Amino acid sequence: MRAVIQRVTSASVEVSGEVIGKIGKGLLVFLGVGDGDTEQDLNYIADKTVGLRIFSDEDDKMNLSVTDVNGEILVVSQFTLYGDCRKGRRPNFTSSMEPKRAQEMYEMFIDRIKGKGISTEHGSFGADMQVKILNDGPVTILLDSSKII
């Protein structure tokens, strides 16, 4: 499982011109589910996301998590995180999980985050979405559950 996490002052996602998810200060999580990902991968990414200390403390050091700052999380599905561009110029997405199971994992991820008491919004799996981001910092973190040591 892969996630691109951005610290934001605000973010929203639209489908067909309608805002379906919107947050203030918090994290925007682009989530990609790979073929072979399990609940262990999901739990790892969810725990890391919530625990990341990427918000500034009173000394302006990145030392606080999203829960510490009472932030929100917006989760947007993004299978293109598994795009393989090593050959040619057109990405190959064969490493992405098949859509039905990927949607189940995406929804489980959202439930895990909500279960941690964090205000959570989300996009629409498989939809053509427009995402508006006001990245704070900018701070962007990459997580990949296959990189667990």
N, C-alpha and C. Protein backbone atom coordinates (compact mmCIF):
# COMPACT_ATOMS: atom_id res chain seq x y z
N MET A 1 0.85 -1.16 0.00
CA MET A 1 0.00 0.00 0.00
C MET A 1 0.90 1.23 0.00
N ARG A 2 0.50 2.21 -0.75
CA ARG A 2 1.27 3.44 -0.85
C ARG A 2 0.39 4.63 -0.51
N ALA A 3 1.01 5.61 0.13
CA ALA A 3 0.29 6.84 0.45
C ALA A 3 1.21 8.03 0.22
N VAL A 4 0.66 9.06 -0.38
CA VAL A 4 1.31 10.36 -0.46
C VAL A 4 0.52 11.24 0.49
N ILE A 5 1.22 11.75 1.50
CA ILE A 5 0.57 12.52 2.55
C ILE A 5 1.05 13.95 2.48
N GLN A 6 0.10 14.87 2.42
CA GLN A 6 0.45 16.28 2.38
C GLN A 6 -0.16 16.99 3.59
N ARG A 7 0.68 17.77 4.27
CA ARG A 7 0.18 18.61 5.35
C ARG A 7 -0.49 19.81 4.69
N VAL A 8 -1.74 20.07 5.06
CA VAL A 8 -2.51 21.12 4.39
C VAL A 8 -3.14 22.07 5.40
N THR A 9 -3.39 23.29 4.93
CA THR A 9 -4.21 24.21 5.72
C THR A 9 -5.67 24.05 5.31
N SER A 10 -5.89 23.52 4.09
CA SER A 10 -7.23 23.15 3.64
C SER A 10 -7.11 22.28 2.40
N ALA A 11 -8.13 21.46 2.19
CA ALA A 11 -8.19 20.62 0.99
C ALA A 11 -9.65 20.23 0.75
N SER A 12 -9.97 20.02 -0.51
CA SER A 12 -11.32 19.56 -0.84
C SER A 12 -11.26 18.70 -2.09
N VAL A 13 -12.30 17.89 -2.27
CA VAL A 13 -12.40 17.04 -3.44
C VAL A 13 -13.81 17.22 -4.02
N GLU A 14 -13.86 17.36 -5.35
CA GLU A 14 -15.12 17.54 -6.07
C GLU A 14 -15.33 16.42 -7.07
N VAL A 15 -16.59 16.08 -7.26
CA VAL A 15 -17.00 15.17 -8.32
C VAL A 15 -18.14 15.85 -9.06
N SER A 16 -18.01 15.99 -10.36
CA SER A 16 -19.03 16.65 -11.20
C SER A 16 -19.39 18.03 -10.67
N GLY A 17 -18.39 18.78 -10.21
CA GLY A 17 -18.61 20.14 -9.73
C GLY A 17 -19.16 20.26 -8.33
N GLU A 18 -19.40 19.13 -7.66
CA GLU A 18 -19.95 19.14 -6.29
C GLU A 18 -18.88 18.73 -5.29
N VAL A 19 -18.70 19.54 -4.26
CA VAL A 19 -17.74 19.21 -3.21
C VAL A 19 -18.30 18.04 -2.40
N ILE A 20 -17.53 16.94 -2.35
CA ILE A 20 -17.99 15.76 -1.59
C ILE A 20 -17.15 15.52 -0.34
N GLY A 21 -16.03 16.21 -0.22
CA GLY A 21 -15.18 16.10 0.96
C GLY A 21 -14.37 17.36 1.12
N LYS A 22 -14.26 17.85 2.37
CA LYS A 22 -13.57 19.11 2.60
C LYS A 22 -13.03 19.13 4.02
N ILE A 23 -11.76 19.55 4.16
CA ILE A 23 -11.17 19.68 5.49
C ILE A 23 -10.46 21.01 5.63
N GLY A 24 -10.21 21.38 6.86
CA GLY A 24 -9.34 22.51 7.17
C GLY A 24 -7.95 21.97 7.44
N LYS A 25 -7.32 22.45 8.49
CA LYS A 25 -5.96 22.03 8.85
C LYS A 25 -5.91 20.52 9.07
N GLY A 26 -4.93 19.88 8.43
CA GLY A 26 -4.81 18.45 8.61
C GLY A 26 -3.96 17.81 7.54
N LEU A 27 -4.37 16.61 7.14
CA LEU A 27 -3.62 15.82 6.17
C LEU A 27 -4.49 15.41 5.00
N LEU A 28 -3.94 15.56 3.81
CA LEU A 28 -4.54 15.00 2.60
C LEU A 28 -3.78 13.72 2.32
N VAL A 29 -4.49 12.61 2.21
CA VAL A 29 -3.86 11.31 1.96
C VAL A 29 -4.33 10.78 0.62
N PHE A 30 -3.39 10.69 -0.34
CA PHE A 30 -3.66 9.99 -1.59
C PHE A 30 -3.27 8.55 -1.33
N LEU A 31 -4.22 7.62 -1.48
CA LEU A 31 -4.00 6.23 -1.11
C LEU A 31 -4.09 5.32 -2.32
N GLY A 32 -3.04 4.52 -2.52
CA GLY A 32 -3.02 3.52 -3.58
C GLY A 32 -2.91 2.13 -2.98
N VAL A 33 -3.72 1.21 -3.49
CA VAL A 33 -3.72 -0.16 -2.99
C VAL A 33 -3.10 -1.06 -4.05
N GLY A 34 -2.08 -1.80 -3.64
CA GLY A 34 -1.36 -2.66 -4.56
C GLY A 34 -1.82 -4.10 -4.51
N ASP A 35 -1.60 -4.79 -5.61
CA ASP A 35 -1.91 -6.21 -5.69
C ASP A 35 -1.15 -6.94 -4.59
N GLY A 36 -1.86 -7.70 -3.79
CA GLY A 36 -1.22 -8.44 -2.71
C GLY A 36 -1.24 -7.73 -1.37
N ASP A 37 -1.70 -6.49 -1.32
CA ASP A 37 -1.79 -5.78 -0.04
C ASP A 37 -2.77 -6.50 0.88
N THR A 38 -2.48 -6.46 2.17
CA THR A 38 -3.30 -7.12 3.18
C THR A 38 -3.72 -6.12 4.23
N GLU A 39 -4.47 -6.61 5.20
CA GLU A 39 -4.89 -5.77 6.31
C GLU A 39 -3.68 -5.29 7.11
N GLN A 40 -2.62 -6.07 7.12
CA GLN A 40 -1.39 -5.65 7.80
C GLN A 40 -0.83 -4.39 7.14
N ASP A 41 -0.83 -4.35 5.82
CA ASP A 41 -0.36 -3.16 5.09
C ASP A 41 -1.25 -1.96 5.42
N LEU A 42 -2.55 -2.20 5.42
CA LEU A 42 -3.52 -1.16 5.71
C LEU A 42 -3.30 -0.59 7.12
N ASN A 43 -3.13 -1.46 8.10
CA ASN A 43 -2.92 -1.01 9.48
C ASN A 43 -1.62 -0.23 9.62
N TYR A 44 -0.58 -0.69 8.93
CA TYR A 44 0.70 0.01 8.97
C TYR A 44 0.56 1.45 8.46
N ILE A 45 -0.06 1.59 7.28
CA ILE A 45 -0.20 2.92 6.68
C ILE A 45 -1.12 3.80 7.53
N ALA A 46 -2.21 3.24 8.04
CA ALA A 46 -3.14 4.03 8.88
C ALA A 46 -2.43 4.50 10.16
N ASP A 47 -1.72 3.60 10.83
CA ASP A 47 -1.03 3.97 12.07
C ASP A 47 0.06 5.01 11.81
N LYS A 48 0.84 4.81 10.75
CA LYS A 48 1.89 5.77 10.41
C LYS A 48 1.30 7.14 10.09
N THR A 49 0.21 7.16 9.33
CA THR A 49 -0.42 8.41 8.94
C THR A 49 -0.84 9.20 10.17
N VAL A 50 -1.54 8.55 11.06
CA VAL A 50 -2.05 9.22 12.26
C VAL A 50 -0.91 9.62 13.19
N GLY A 51 0.15 8.84 13.21
CA GLY A 51 1.24 9.11 14.14
C GLY A 51 2.33 10.03 13.62
N LEU A 52 2.32 10.35 12.33
CA LEU A 52 3.37 11.21 11.77
C LEU A 52 3.44 12.54 12.52
N ARG A 53 4.62 12.87 12.98
CA ARG A 53 4.82 14.13 13.69
C ARG A 53 5.36 15.15 12.70
N ILE A 54 4.44 15.75 11.93
CA ILE A 54 4.83 16.68 10.87
C ILE A 54 4.20 18.06 11.03
N PHE A 55 3.61 18.30 12.19
CA PHE A 55 3.07 19.63 12.50
C PHE A 55 4.00 20.30 13.50
N SER A 56 4.13 21.61 13.38
CA SER A 56 5.06 22.35 14.22
C SER A 56 4.56 22.52 15.65
N ASP A 57 5.52 22.41 16.59
CA ASP A 57 5.23 22.69 17.99
C ASP A 57 5.53 24.16 18.28
N GLU A 58 5.51 24.52 19.56
CA GLU A 58 5.73 25.93 19.94
C GLU A 58 7.14 26.41 19.61
N ASP A 59 8.08 25.49 19.39
CA ASP A 59 9.45 25.84 19.01
C ASP A 59 9.67 25.76 17.50
N ASP A 60 8.59 25.63 16.76
CA ASP A 60 8.61 25.54 15.30
C ASP A 60 9.36 24.30 14.80
N LYS A 61 9.31 23.23 15.58
CA LYS A 61 9.90 21.94 15.18
C LYS A 61 8.77 21.00 14.81
N MET A 62 8.96 20.21 13.77
CA MET A 62 7.95 19.21 13.40
C MET A 62 7.94 18.14 14.49
N ASN A 63 6.97 18.24 15.39
CA ASN A 63 6.95 17.39 16.57
C ASN A 63 5.55 16.94 16.96
N LEU A 64 4.54 17.40 16.23
CA LEU A 64 3.15 17.11 16.59
C LEU A 64 2.45 16.31 15.49
N SER A 65 1.54 15.43 15.90
CA SER A 65 0.77 14.63 14.95
C SER A 65 -0.55 15.32 14.63
N VAL A 66 -1.29 14.75 13.71
CA VAL A 66 -2.60 15.29 13.34
C VAL A 66 -3.56 15.28 14.53
N THR A 67 -3.43 14.27 15.38
CA THR A 67 -4.29 14.24 16.58
C THR A 67 -3.89 15.31 17.57
N ASP A 68 -2.58 15.57 17.69
CA ASP A 68 -2.09 16.60 18.61
C ASP A 68 -2.62 17.99 18.26
N VAL A 69 -2.82 18.25 16.98
CA VAL A 69 -3.27 19.58 16.54
C VAL A 69 -4.77 19.60 16.26
N ASN A 70 -5.45 18.50 16.63
CA ASN A 70 -6.89 18.39 16.38
C ASN A 70 -7.22 18.61 14.90
N GLY A 71 -6.38 18.02 14.03
CA GLY A 71 -6.55 18.18 12.60
C GLY A 71 -7.52 17.17 12.01
N GLU A 72 -7.75 17.32 10.73
CA GLU A 72 -8.66 16.46 9.99
C GLU A 72 -7.88 15.71 8.91
N ILE A 73 -8.51 14.69 8.35
CA ILE A 73 -7.88 13.93 7.26
C ILE A 73 -8.86 13.79 6.10
N LEU A 74 -8.35 14.04 4.90
CA LEU A 74 -9.10 13.82 3.67
C LEU A 74 -8.39 12.70 2.91
N VAL A 75 -9.11 11.61 2.63
CA VAL A 75 -8.53 10.44 1.95
C VAL A 75 -9.08 10.39 0.52
N VAL A 76 -8.16 10.29 -0.44
CA VAL A 76 -8.53 10.24 -1.86
C VAL A 76 -7.86 9.01 -2.47
N SER A 77 -8.64 8.15 -3.10
CA SER A 77 -8.07 6.97 -3.75
C SER A 77 -7.26 7.38 -4.97
N GLN A 78 -6.11 6.71 -5.16
CA GLN A 78 -5.28 7.05 -6.31
C GLN A 78 -4.47 5.83 -6.75
N PHE A 79 -5.06 5.04 -7.64
CA PHE A 79 -4.39 3.84 -8.13
C PHE A 79 -3.13 4.18 -8.91
N THR A 80 -3.01 5.42 -9.39
CA THR A 80 -1.85 5.79 -10.19
C THR A 80 -0.56 5.81 -9.37
N LEU A 81 -0.67 5.68 -8.05
CA LEU A 81 0.55 5.56 -7.24
C LEU A 81 1.29 4.26 -7.56
N TYR A 82 0.62 3.35 -8.24
CA TYR A 82 1.26 2.11 -8.66
C TYR A 82 1.63 2.12 -10.14
N GLY A 83 1.68 3.29 -10.74
CA GLY A 83 2.09 3.40 -12.13
C GLY A 83 3.56 3.08 -12.28
N ASP A 84 3.88 2.16 -13.17
CA ASP A 84 5.25 1.76 -13.43
C ASP A 84 5.67 2.39 -14.76
N CYS A 85 6.65 3.28 -14.70
CA CYS A 85 7.08 4.01 -15.89
C CYS A 85 8.47 3.60 -16.36
N ARG A 86 8.94 2.44 -15.93
CA ARG A 86 10.29 2.02 -16.29
C ARG A 86 10.43 1.71 -17.77
N LYS A 87 9.37 1.23 -18.40
CA LYS A 87 9.42 0.91 -19.83
C LYS A 87 8.52 1.88 -20.58
N GLY A 88 9.01 2.42 -21.64
CA GLY A 88 8.20 3.30 -22.48
C GLY A 88 7.81 4.59 -21.79
N ARG A 89 6.76 5.20 -22.29
CA ARG A 89 6.32 6.50 -21.77
C ARG A 89 4.91 6.46 -21.18
N ARG A 90 4.25 5.32 -21.35
CA ARG A 90 2.89 5.18 -20.82
C ARG A 90 2.97 4.31 -19.57
N PRO A 91 2.45 4.80 -18.43
CA PRO A 91 2.51 4.02 -17.20
C PRO A 91 1.74 2.70 -17.31
N ASN A 92 2.27 1.70 -16.65
CA ASN A 92 1.64 0.39 -16.55
C ASN A 92 1.10 0.27 -15.13
N PHE A 93 -0.16 -0.10 -14.98
CA PHE A 93 -0.79 -0.15 -13.66
C PHE A 93 -1.10 -1.58 -13.21
N THR A 94 -0.37 -2.55 -13.72
CA THR A 94 -0.65 -3.95 -13.39
C THR A 94 -0.35 -4.28 -11.93
N SER A 95 0.37 -3.43 -11.23
CA SER A 95 0.67 -3.67 -9.81
C SER A 95 -0.45 -3.19 -8.89
N SER A 96 -1.44 -2.49 -9.44
CA SER A 96 -2.58 -2.04 -8.65
C SER A 96 -3.50 -3.21 -8.36
N MET A 97 -4.15 -3.16 -7.21
CA MET A 97 -5.12 -4.20 -6.86
C MET A 97 -6.35 -4.06 -7.74
N GLU A 98 -7.02 -5.18 -8.02
CA GLU A 98 -8.24 -5.12 -8.83
C GLU A 98 -9.26 -4.23 -8.11
N PRO A 99 -10.06 -3.48 -8.89
CA PRO A 99 -10.90 -2.42 -8.32
C PRO A 99 -11.84 -2.83 -7.18
N LYS A 100 -12.52 -3.95 -7.29
CA LYS A 100 -13.50 -4.32 -6.25
C LYS A 100 -12.83 -4.48 -4.89
N ARG A 101 -11.75 -5.23 -4.87
CA ARG A 101 -11.03 -5.45 -3.60
C ARG A 101 -10.33 -4.16 -3.15
N ALA A 102 -9.80 -3.38 -4.08
CA ALA A 102 -9.14 -2.12 -3.73
C ALA A 102 -10.13 -1.16 -3.06
N GLN A 103 -11.36 -1.14 -3.56
CA GLN A 103 -12.37 -0.28 -2.95
C GLN A 103 -12.66 -0.72 -1.52
N GLU A 104 -12.73 -2.02 -1.30
CA GLU A 104 -12.95 -2.53 0.05
C GLU A 104 -11.81 -2.10 0.98
N MET A 105 -10.57 -2.19 0.50
CA MET A 105 -9.42 -1.80 1.31
C MET A 105 -9.44 -0.29 1.57
N TYR A 106 -9.78 0.49 0.57
CA TYR A 106 -9.89 1.96 0.69
C TYR A 106 -10.91 2.30 1.77
N GLU A 107 -12.07 1.67 1.74
CA GLU A 107 -13.11 1.94 2.72
C GLU A 107 -12.69 1.48 4.12
N MET A 108 -11.97 0.36 4.19
CA MET A 108 -11.45 -0.11 5.48
C MET A 108 -10.45 0.90 6.05
N PHE A 109 -9.62 1.46 5.18
CA PHE A 109 -8.65 2.47 5.61
C PHE A 109 -9.36 3.68 6.22
N ILE A 110 -10.38 4.15 5.53
CA ILE A 110 -11.15 5.30 6.04
C ILE A 110 -11.75 4.95 7.40
N ASP A 111 -12.31 3.76 7.53
CA ASP A 111 -12.89 3.33 8.81
C ASP A 111 -11.83 3.29 9.91
N ARG A 112 -10.62 2.83 9.58
CA ARG A 112 -9.54 2.76 10.58
C ARG A 112 -9.20 4.17 11.09
N ILE A 113 -9.10 5.11 10.16
CA ILE A 113 -8.77 6.49 10.54
C ILE A 113 -9.90 7.08 11.40
N LYS A 114 -11.13 6.90 10.97
CA LYS A 114 -12.27 7.38 11.75
C LYS A 114 -12.29 6.74 13.13
N GLY A 115 -11.95 5.45 13.20
CA GLY A 115 -11.92 4.71 14.45
C GLY A 115 -10.91 5.26 15.44
N LYS A 116 -9.97 6.05 14.97
CA LYS A 116 -8.97 6.66 15.83
C LYS A 116 -9.44 8.03 16.33
N GLY A 117 -10.71 8.35 16.04
CA GLY A 117 -11.31 9.59 16.55
C GLY A 117 -10.96 10.83 15.76
N ILE A 118 -10.52 10.66 14.52
CA ILE A 118 -10.13 11.81 13.70
C ILE A 118 -11.24 12.13 12.72
N SER A 119 -11.59 13.40 12.64
CA SER A 119 -12.58 13.86 11.66
C SER A 119 -12.03 13.54 10.27
N THR A 120 -12.78 12.72 9.52
CA THR A 120 -12.27 12.20 8.24
C THR A 120 -13.29 12.39 7.13
N GLU A 121 -12.81 12.93 6.03
CA GLU A 121 -13.61 13.07 4.81
C GLU A 121 -12.93 12.21 3.74
N HIS A 122 -13.62 12.01 2.61
CA HIS A 122 -13.03 11.18 1.56
C HIS A 122 -13.60 11.51 0.20
N GLY A 123 -12.88 11.05 -0.81
CA GLY A 123 -13.32 11.18 -2.18
C GLY A 123 -14.24 10.03 -2.54
N SER A 124 -14.47 9.86 -3.84
CA SER A 124 -15.34 8.80 -4.35
C SER A 124 -14.47 7.84 -5.15
N PHE A 125 -14.36 6.61 -4.66
CA PHE A 125 -13.49 5.62 -5.30
C PHE A 125 -13.84 5.46 -6.77
N GLY A 126 -12.83 5.55 -7.62
CA GLY A 126 -13.00 5.32 -9.05
C GLY A 126 -13.59 6.48 -9.83
N ALA A 127 -13.96 7.55 -9.15
CA ALA A 127 -14.57 8.69 -9.84
C ALA A 127 -13.50 9.61 -10.41
N ASP A 128 -13.90 10.42 -11.38
CA ASP A 128 -13.04 11.49 -11.88
C ASP A 128 -13.18 12.63 -10.88
N MET A 129 -12.12 12.90 -10.13
CA MET A 129 -12.18 13.88 -9.05
C MET A 129 -11.26 15.05 -9.33
N GLN A 130 -11.64 16.20 -8.81
CA GLN A 130 -10.79 17.38 -8.82
C GLN A 130 -10.45 17.65 -7.35
N VAL A 131 -9.15 17.71 -7.07
CA VAL A 131 -8.69 17.90 -5.70
C VAL A 131 -8.05 19.28 -5.59
N LYS A 132 -8.51 20.06 -4.63
CA LYS A 132 -7.94 21.38 -4.36
C LYS A 132 -7.16 21.28 -3.06
N ILE A 133 -5.90 21.74 -3.13
CA ILE A 133 -4.98 21.58 -2.01
C ILE A 133 -4.30 22.90 -1.71
N LEU A 134 -4.25 23.25 -0.43
CA LEU A 134 -3.39 24.33 0.01
C LEU A 134 -2.35 23.68 0.91
N ASN A 135 -1.25 23.23 0.27
CA ASN A 135 -0.19 22.51 0.97
C ASN A 135 0.50 23.47 1.92
N ASP A 136 0.73 23.01 3.14
CA ASP A 136 1.32 23.83 4.19
C ASP A 136 2.79 23.45 4.34
N GLY A 137 3.67 24.34 3.95
CA GLY A 137 5.10 24.10 4.14
C GLY A 137 5.93 24.41 2.90
N PRO A 138 5.86 23.67 1.86
CA PRO A 138 5.10 22.44 1.67
C PRO A 138 5.72 21.26 2.42
N VAL A 139 4.86 20.38 2.89
CA VAL A 139 5.29 19.13 3.51
C VAL A 139 4.58 18.00 2.80
N THR A 140 5.36 17.11 2.21
CA THR A 140 4.82 15.94 1.51
C THR A 140 5.65 14.73 1.91
N ILE A 141 4.96 13.68 2.37
CA ILE A 141 5.61 12.47 2.86
C ILE A 141 5.12 11.28 2.03
N LEU A 142 6.04 10.38 1.69
CA LEU A 142 5.69 9.16 0.96
C LEU A 142 5.77 7.98 1.92
N LEU A 143 4.73 7.16 1.94
CA LEU A 143 4.73 5.92 2.72
C LEU A 143 4.49 4.75 1.78
N ASP A 144 5.20 3.65 2.03
CA ASP A 144 5.04 2.44 1.22
C ASP A 144 5.18 1.26 2.17
N SER A 145 4.11 0.50 2.32
CA SER A 145 4.12 -0.62 3.27
C SER A 145 5.09 -1.72 2.86
N SER A 146 5.50 -1.76 1.60
CA SER A 146 6.46 -2.77 1.18
C SER A 146 7.87 -2.43 1.65
N LYS A 147 8.06 -1.24 2.17
CA LYS A 147 9.37 -0.80 2.63
C LYS A 147 9.57 -1.03 4.13
N ILE A 148 8.64 -1.77 4.76
CA ILE A 148 8.75 -2.05 6.18
C ILE A 148 10.02 -2.88 6.41
N ILE A 149 10.78 -2.45 7.38
CA ILE A 149 12.03 -3.16 7.70
C ILE A 149 11.74 -4.32 8.61
